[in-house]
Amino acid sequence: MIDFELILALIVLLIFLGMLICIGARWHIAATQLDEVLDGMNKDSMTGNLRHKFNGSRGKVLMLTQVATICAFQNFYLRKGATTLEELQSIPKSFKRKVKILFWTEITLFSLMILSVGVLKFGWID
């Protein structure tokens, strides 16, 4: 009979593969769509100031993470004054949807991985 720990280890492996797929999707979006989104943003905003600081493919992924965080927590960044309503409206809705889904999927997978590893390591479930 298959042991519970083996099943949980397989679940952790599947979560890890899902995270790798999310990283690949993030890299693809950063390489193909990020430049046109950043062109519509103000140069004085939070992302505009950081645009020249990050170079290369790794920098584009970091910029996509910044834009994803702004899209996911719009009200916080509007109240803080880090972005404007015009900048948020300049981001295409399809891009916002993709980035938000990717952002929350990564958060969920990461949380599940921590929970699964905790169950495996500390034996929370007998």
N, C-alpha and C. Protein backbone atom coordinates (compact mmCIF):
# COMPACT_ATOMS: atom_id res chain seq x y z
N MET A 1 0.83 -1.18 0.00
CA MET A 1 0.00 0.00 0.00
C MET A 1 0.89 1.26 0.00
N ILE A 2 0.41 2.28 -0.66
CA ILE A 2 1.18 3.52 -0.78
C ILE A 2 1.10 4.29 0.52
N ASP A 3 2.22 4.74 0.98
CA ASP A 3 2.32 5.46 2.24
C ASP A 3 1.84 6.91 2.07
N PHE A 4 1.29 7.49 3.12
CA PHE A 4 0.81 8.87 3.07
C PHE A 4 1.94 9.85 2.79
N GLU A 5 3.11 9.60 3.35
CA GLU A 5 4.26 10.49 3.13
C GLU A 5 4.70 10.48 1.68
N LEU A 6 4.59 9.33 1.02
CA LEU A 6 4.94 9.26 -0.40
C LEU A 6 3.97 10.08 -1.24
N ILE A 7 2.70 10.00 -0.92
CA ILE A 7 1.69 10.80 -1.64
C ILE A 7 1.94 12.28 -1.42
N LEU A 8 2.24 12.66 -0.19
CA LEU A 8 2.51 14.07 0.11
C LEU A 8 3.78 14.55 -0.59
N ALA A 9 4.79 13.69 -0.67
CA ALA A 9 6.01 14.05 -1.39
C ALA A 9 5.72 14.24 -2.88
N LEU A 10 4.84 13.44 -3.44
CA LEU A 10 4.44 13.60 -4.84
C LEU A 10 3.69 14.92 -5.03
N ILE A 11 2.85 15.28 -4.07
CA ILE A 11 2.13 16.56 -4.14
C ILE A 11 3.12 17.72 -4.10
N VAL A 12 4.14 17.63 -3.24
CA VAL A 12 5.16 18.68 -3.17
C VAL A 12 5.90 18.78 -4.50
N LEU A 13 6.19 17.65 -5.11
CA LEU A 13 6.86 17.66 -6.42
C LEU A 13 5.98 18.32 -7.48
N LEU A 14 4.69 18.02 -7.47
CA LEU A 14 3.77 18.65 -8.43
C LEU A 14 3.65 20.15 -8.19
N ILE A 15 3.64 20.56 -6.93
CA ILE A 15 3.60 21.99 -6.62
C ILE A 15 4.87 22.67 -7.13
N PHE A 16 6.01 22.02 -6.92
CA PHE A 16 7.28 22.56 -7.40
C PHE A 16 7.29 22.70 -8.92
N LEU A 17 6.78 21.69 -9.62
CA LEU A 17 6.69 21.78 -11.08
C LEU A 17 5.74 22.91 -11.51
N GLY A 18 4.64 23.09 -10.77
CA GLY A 18 3.73 24.19 -11.05
C GLY A 18 4.40 25.54 -10.87
N MET A 19 5.25 25.64 -9.86
CA MET A 19 5.99 26.89 -9.65
C MET A 19 6.98 27.14 -10.79
N LEU A 20 7.62 26.09 -11.27
CA LEU A 20 8.53 26.26 -12.41
C LEU A 20 7.78 26.71 -13.65
N ILE A 21 6.58 26.18 -13.86
CA ILE A 21 5.76 26.61 -14.99
C ILE A 21 5.37 28.07 -14.84
N CYS A 22 5.03 28.50 -13.62
CA CYS A 22 4.70 29.91 -13.38
C CYS A 22 5.89 30.81 -13.64
N ILE A 23 7.08 30.37 -13.25
CA ILE A 23 8.28 31.17 -13.52
C ILE A 23 8.51 31.28 -15.02
N GLY A 24 8.31 30.20 -15.75
CA GLY A 24 8.44 30.25 -17.21
C GLY A 24 7.42 31.17 -17.84
N ALA A 25 6.19 31.14 -17.34
CA ALA A 25 5.15 32.03 -17.86
C ALA A 25 5.49 33.49 -17.56
N ARG A 26 6.01 33.73 -16.36
CA ARG A 26 6.42 35.10 -16.00
C ARG A 26 7.54 35.58 -16.92
N TRP A 27 8.51 34.71 -17.20
CA TRP A 27 9.61 35.08 -18.09
C TRP A 27 9.09 35.38 -19.49
N HIS A 28 8.14 34.59 -19.97
CA HIS A 28 7.58 34.80 -21.30
C HIS A 28 6.83 36.13 -21.38
N ILE A 29 6.01 36.41 -20.38
CA ILE A 29 5.27 37.68 -20.38
C ILE A 29 6.22 38.85 -20.29
N ALA A 30 7.26 38.72 -19.48
CA ALA A 30 8.24 39.81 -19.34
C ALA A 30 8.98 40.04 -20.65
N ALA A 31 9.27 38.99 -21.37
CA ALA A 31 10.02 39.14 -22.62
C ALA A 31 9.16 39.66 -23.76
N THR A 32 7.86 39.35 -23.77
CA THR A 32 7.04 39.70 -24.92
C THR A 32 6.15 40.91 -24.74
N GLN A 33 5.61 41.16 -23.53
CA GLN A 33 4.58 42.18 -23.38
C GLN A 33 4.94 43.32 -22.45
N LEU A 34 5.99 43.22 -21.71
CA LEU A 34 6.26 44.21 -20.67
C LEU A 34 6.65 45.58 -21.23
N ASP A 35 7.41 45.62 -22.29
CA ASP A 35 7.88 46.90 -22.83
C ASP A 35 6.73 47.81 -23.26
N GLU A 36 5.73 47.23 -23.93
CA GLU A 36 4.61 48.08 -24.37
C GLU A 36 3.76 48.56 -23.20
N VAL A 37 3.71 47.80 -22.12
CA VAL A 37 2.98 48.24 -20.93
C VAL A 37 3.75 49.36 -20.23
N LEU A 38 5.06 49.20 -20.12
CA LEU A 38 5.87 50.23 -19.45
C LEU A 38 5.93 51.52 -20.25
N ASP A 39 5.79 51.45 -21.57
CA ASP A 39 5.79 52.68 -22.38
C ASP A 39 4.59 53.57 -22.05
N GLY A 40 3.48 52.96 -21.64
CA GLY A 40 2.30 53.74 -21.30
C GLY A 40 2.33 54.31 -19.90
N MET A 41 3.31 53.92 -19.10
CA MET A 41 3.38 54.41 -17.72
C MET A 41 4.21 55.68 -17.64
N ASN A 42 3.91 56.48 -16.65
CA ASN A 42 4.59 57.75 -16.43
C ASN A 42 6.04 57.50 -16.01
N LYS A 43 6.93 58.31 -16.49
CA LYS A 43 8.35 58.14 -16.14
C LYS A 43 8.64 58.53 -14.69
N ASP A 44 7.75 59.28 -14.05
CA ASP A 44 7.96 59.70 -12.66
C ASP A 44 7.36 58.73 -11.65
N SER A 45 6.69 57.70 -12.13
CA SER A 45 6.06 56.77 -11.20
C SER A 45 7.08 55.81 -10.62
N MET A 46 6.59 54.94 -9.76
CA MET A 46 7.48 54.00 -9.10
C MET A 46 8.14 53.07 -10.12
N THR A 47 7.39 52.58 -11.08
CA THR A 47 7.98 51.68 -12.08
C THR A 47 8.82 52.45 -13.08
N GLY A 48 8.44 53.68 -13.36
CA GLY A 48 9.23 54.47 -14.30
C GLY A 48 10.62 54.78 -13.77
N ASN A 49 10.71 55.03 -12.47
CA ASN A 49 12.02 55.31 -11.87
C ASN A 49 12.93 54.10 -11.87
N LEU A 50 12.35 52.92 -11.74
CA LEU A 50 13.16 51.71 -11.66
C LEU A 50 13.47 51.11 -13.02
N ARG A 51 12.89 51.65 -14.07
CA ARG A 51 13.01 51.04 -15.39
C ARG A 51 14.45 50.95 -15.87
N HIS A 52 15.24 51.97 -15.63
CA HIS A 52 16.62 51.98 -16.12
C HIS A 52 17.57 51.29 -15.16
N LYS A 53 17.09 51.01 -13.97
CA LYS A 53 17.93 50.36 -12.98
C LYS A 53 18.07 48.86 -13.26
N PHE A 54 17.00 48.25 -13.78
CA PHE A 54 17.00 46.81 -14.05
C PHE A 54 17.23 46.58 -15.54
N ASN A 55 18.29 45.86 -15.86
CA ASN A 55 18.60 45.56 -17.25
C ASN A 55 18.59 44.05 -17.45
N GLY A 56 18.38 43.63 -18.68
CA GLY A 56 18.43 42.22 -19.00
C GLY A 56 17.14 41.49 -18.69
N SER A 57 17.16 40.19 -18.89
CA SER A 57 15.94 39.40 -18.71
C SER A 57 15.55 39.30 -17.24
N ARG A 58 16.52 39.20 -16.35
CA ARG A 58 16.21 39.16 -14.93
C ARG A 58 15.58 40.47 -14.47
N GLY A 59 16.06 41.57 -14.99
CA GLY A 59 15.49 42.87 -14.66
C GLY A 59 14.06 43.01 -15.15
N LYS A 60 13.78 42.44 -16.33
CA LYS A 60 12.41 42.49 -16.84
C LYS A 60 11.46 41.68 -15.96
N VAL A 61 11.94 40.54 -15.47
CA VAL A 61 11.10 39.75 -14.58
C VAL A 61 10.84 40.51 -13.28
N LEU A 62 11.85 41.20 -12.77
CA LEU A 62 11.66 42.00 -11.56
C LEU A 62 10.68 43.15 -11.82
N MET A 63 10.76 43.76 -12.99
CA MET A 63 9.82 44.83 -13.32
C MET A 63 8.40 44.28 -13.46
N LEU A 64 8.27 43.08 -14.04
CA LEU A 64 6.95 42.47 -14.16
C LEU A 64 6.38 42.19 -12.77
N THR A 65 7.22 41.79 -11.85
CA THR A 65 6.77 41.56 -10.48
C THR A 65 6.28 42.86 -9.87
N GLN A 66 6.99 43.95 -10.14
CA GLN A 66 6.57 45.26 -9.64
C GLN A 66 5.21 45.65 -10.21
N VAL A 67 5.03 45.47 -11.51
CA VAL A 67 3.76 45.81 -12.16
C VAL A 67 2.65 44.89 -11.65
N ALA A 68 2.96 43.60 -11.44
CA ALA A 68 1.95 42.66 -10.93
C ALA A 68 1.50 43.05 -9.53
N THR A 69 2.44 43.50 -8.71
CA THR A 69 2.09 43.92 -7.36
C THR A 69 1.21 45.17 -7.41
N ILE A 70 1.53 46.09 -8.30
CA ILE A 70 0.70 47.29 -8.45
C ILE A 70 -0.69 46.93 -8.95
N CYS A 71 -0.78 45.98 -9.89
CA CYS A 71 -2.09 45.57 -10.40
C CYS A 71 -2.90 44.82 -9.34
N ALA A 72 -2.24 44.03 -8.52
CA ALA A 72 -2.95 43.25 -7.51
C ALA A 72 -3.42 44.11 -6.35
N PHE A 73 -2.65 45.11 -5.97
CA PHE A 73 -2.98 45.95 -4.82
C PHE A 73 -3.10 47.41 -5.27
N GLN A 74 -4.03 47.66 -6.19
CA GLN A 74 -4.18 48.98 -6.79
C GLN A 74 -4.52 50.05 -5.77
N ASN A 75 -5.47 49.78 -4.90
CA ASN A 75 -5.91 50.80 -3.94
C ASN A 75 -4.79 51.23 -3.01
N PHE A 76 -3.97 50.28 -2.58
CA PHE A 76 -2.85 50.60 -1.69
C PHE A 76 -1.88 51.56 -2.38
N TYR A 77 -1.52 51.27 -3.62
CA TYR A 77 -0.55 52.11 -4.32
C TYR A 77 -1.15 53.45 -4.74
N LEU A 78 -2.47 53.50 -4.96
CA LEU A 78 -3.12 54.79 -5.23
C LEU A 78 -3.12 55.68 -3.98
N ARG A 79 -3.45 55.10 -2.83
CA ARG A 79 -3.45 55.88 -1.58
C ARG A 79 -2.04 56.32 -1.21
N LYS A 80 -1.06 55.47 -1.48
CA LYS A 80 0.32 55.79 -1.15
C LYS A 80 0.89 56.87 -2.09
N GLY A 81 0.28 57.02 -3.26
CA GLY A 81 0.74 58.00 -4.23
C GLY A 81 1.85 57.48 -5.13
N ALA A 82 2.04 56.18 -5.13
CA ALA A 82 3.11 55.60 -5.95
C ALA A 82 2.69 55.46 -7.40
N THR A 83 1.41 55.48 -7.67
CA THR A 83 0.91 55.40 -9.04
C THR A 83 -0.33 56.27 -9.15
N THR A 84 -0.75 56.51 -10.38
CA THR A 84 -1.93 57.32 -10.61
C THR A 84 -3.00 56.49 -11.29
N LEU A 85 -4.22 57.00 -11.29
CA LEU A 85 -5.33 56.30 -11.91
C LEU A 85 -5.13 56.19 -13.43
N GLU A 86 -4.52 57.21 -14.02
CA GLU A 86 -4.27 57.19 -15.46
C GLU A 86 -3.30 56.07 -15.84
N GLU A 87 -2.28 55.87 -15.00
CA GLU A 87 -1.32 54.80 -15.27
C GLU A 87 -1.99 53.44 -15.17
N LEU A 88 -2.84 53.26 -14.17
CA LEU A 88 -3.53 51.98 -14.03
C LEU A 88 -4.48 51.74 -15.19
N GLN A 89 -5.11 52.80 -15.69
CA GLN A 89 -6.01 52.64 -16.82
C GLN A 89 -5.26 52.44 -18.13
N SER A 90 -3.99 52.84 -18.18
CA SER A 90 -3.21 52.64 -19.41
C SER A 90 -2.75 51.20 -19.58
N ILE A 91 -2.78 50.42 -18.51
CA ILE A 91 -2.39 49.01 -18.61
C ILE A 91 -3.56 48.24 -19.21
N PRO A 92 -3.33 47.47 -20.28
CA PRO A 92 -4.43 46.72 -20.91
C PRO A 92 -5.06 45.72 -19.94
N LYS A 93 -6.38 45.57 -20.05
CA LYS A 93 -7.11 44.68 -19.15
C LYS A 93 -6.67 43.23 -19.27
N SER A 94 -6.36 42.79 -20.49
CA SER A 94 -5.92 41.40 -20.65
C SER A 94 -4.58 41.16 -19.96
N PHE A 95 -3.69 42.16 -20.01
CA PHE A 95 -2.39 42.05 -19.33
C PHE A 95 -2.59 42.01 -17.81
N LYS A 96 -3.47 42.89 -17.31
CA LYS A 96 -3.76 42.91 -15.87
C LYS A 96 -4.29 41.56 -15.41
N ARG A 97 -5.20 40.98 -16.21
CA ARG A 97 -5.81 39.71 -15.84
C ARG A 97 -4.75 38.60 -15.79
N LYS A 98 -3.89 38.54 -16.81
CA LYS A 98 -2.84 37.52 -16.84
C LYS A 98 -1.90 37.66 -15.66
N VAL A 99 -1.50 38.88 -15.38
CA VAL A 99 -0.54 39.12 -14.32
C VAL A 99 -1.15 38.83 -12.94
N LYS A 100 -2.41 39.21 -12.75
CA LYS A 100 -3.06 38.94 -11.47
C LYS A 100 -3.23 37.44 -11.24
N ILE A 101 -3.66 36.72 -12.27
CA ILE A 101 -3.82 35.27 -12.14
C ILE A 101 -2.49 34.62 -11.83
N LEU A 102 -1.45 35.03 -12.54
CA LEU A 102 -0.11 34.48 -12.30
C LEU A 102 0.37 34.81 -10.89
N PHE A 103 0.16 36.03 -10.45
CA PHE A 103 0.58 36.47 -9.11
C PHE A 103 -0.09 35.64 -8.01
N TRP A 104 -1.41 35.51 -8.07
CA TRP A 104 -2.12 34.79 -7.02
C TRP A 104 -1.89 33.28 -7.12
N THR A 105 -1.64 32.77 -8.31
CA THR A 105 -1.29 31.35 -8.45
C THR A 105 0.03 31.07 -7.77
N GLU A 106 1.01 31.94 -7.98
CA GLU A 106 2.31 31.76 -7.34
C GLU A 106 2.21 31.85 -5.82
N ILE A 107 1.42 32.79 -5.32
CA ILE A 107 1.24 32.92 -3.87
C ILE A 107 0.59 31.65 -3.31
N THR A 108 -0.42 31.14 -3.99
CA THR A 108 -1.11 29.93 -3.54
C THR A 108 -0.19 28.72 -3.57
N LEU A 109 0.57 28.56 -4.66
CA LEU A 109 1.48 27.42 -4.75
C LEU A 109 2.57 27.49 -3.68
N PHE A 110 3.07 28.67 -3.43
CA PHE A 110 4.10 28.83 -2.41
C PHE A 110 3.54 28.49 -1.03
N SER A 111 2.33 28.95 -0.74
CA SER A 111 1.71 28.64 0.55
C SER A 111 1.46 27.14 0.70
N LEU A 112 0.99 26.50 -0.37
CA LEU A 112 0.77 25.05 -0.33
C LEU A 112 2.07 24.30 -0.13
N MET A 113 3.15 24.79 -0.75
CA MET A 113 4.43 24.11 -0.59
C MET A 113 4.92 24.23 0.85
N ILE A 114 4.80 25.38 1.44
CA ILE A 114 5.22 25.55 2.84
C ILE A 114 4.39 24.64 3.74
N LEU A 115 3.10 24.58 3.52
CA LEU A 115 2.23 23.73 4.32
C LEU A 115 2.60 22.25 4.14
N SER A 116 2.84 21.82 2.92
CA SER A 116 3.18 20.42 2.65
C SER A 116 4.52 20.04 3.25
N VAL A 117 5.49 20.92 3.11
CA VAL A 117 6.80 20.63 3.69
C VAL A 117 6.71 20.59 5.21
N GLY A 118 5.90 21.46 5.79
CA GLY A 118 5.69 21.43 7.23
C GLY A 118 5.06 20.14 7.69
N VAL A 119 4.10 19.64 6.91
CA VAL A 119 3.46 18.37 7.25
C VAL A 119 4.48 17.24 7.15
N LEU A 120 5.29 17.25 6.10
CA LEU A 120 6.29 16.19 5.93
C LEU A 120 7.38 16.25 7.00
N LYS A 121 7.89 17.44 7.25
CA LYS A 121 9.03 17.58 8.15
C LYS A 121 8.66 17.40 9.61
N PHE A 122 7.55 17.99 10.01
CA PHE A 122 7.19 17.98 11.42
C PHE A 122 6.15 16.93 11.77
N GLY A 123 5.61 16.24 10.77
CA GLY A 123 4.66 15.17 11.02
C GLY A 123 3.39 15.65 11.69
N TRP A 124 2.82 16.73 11.19
CA TRP A 124 1.60 17.28 11.79
C TRP A 124 0.41 16.33 11.66
N ILE A 125 0.44 15.50 10.62
CA ILE A 125 -0.65 14.54 10.42
C ILE A 125 -0.07 13.15 10.61
N ASP A 126 -0.71 12.36 11.44
CA ASP A 126 -0.21 10.99 11.70
C ASP A 126 -0.63 10.04 10.63
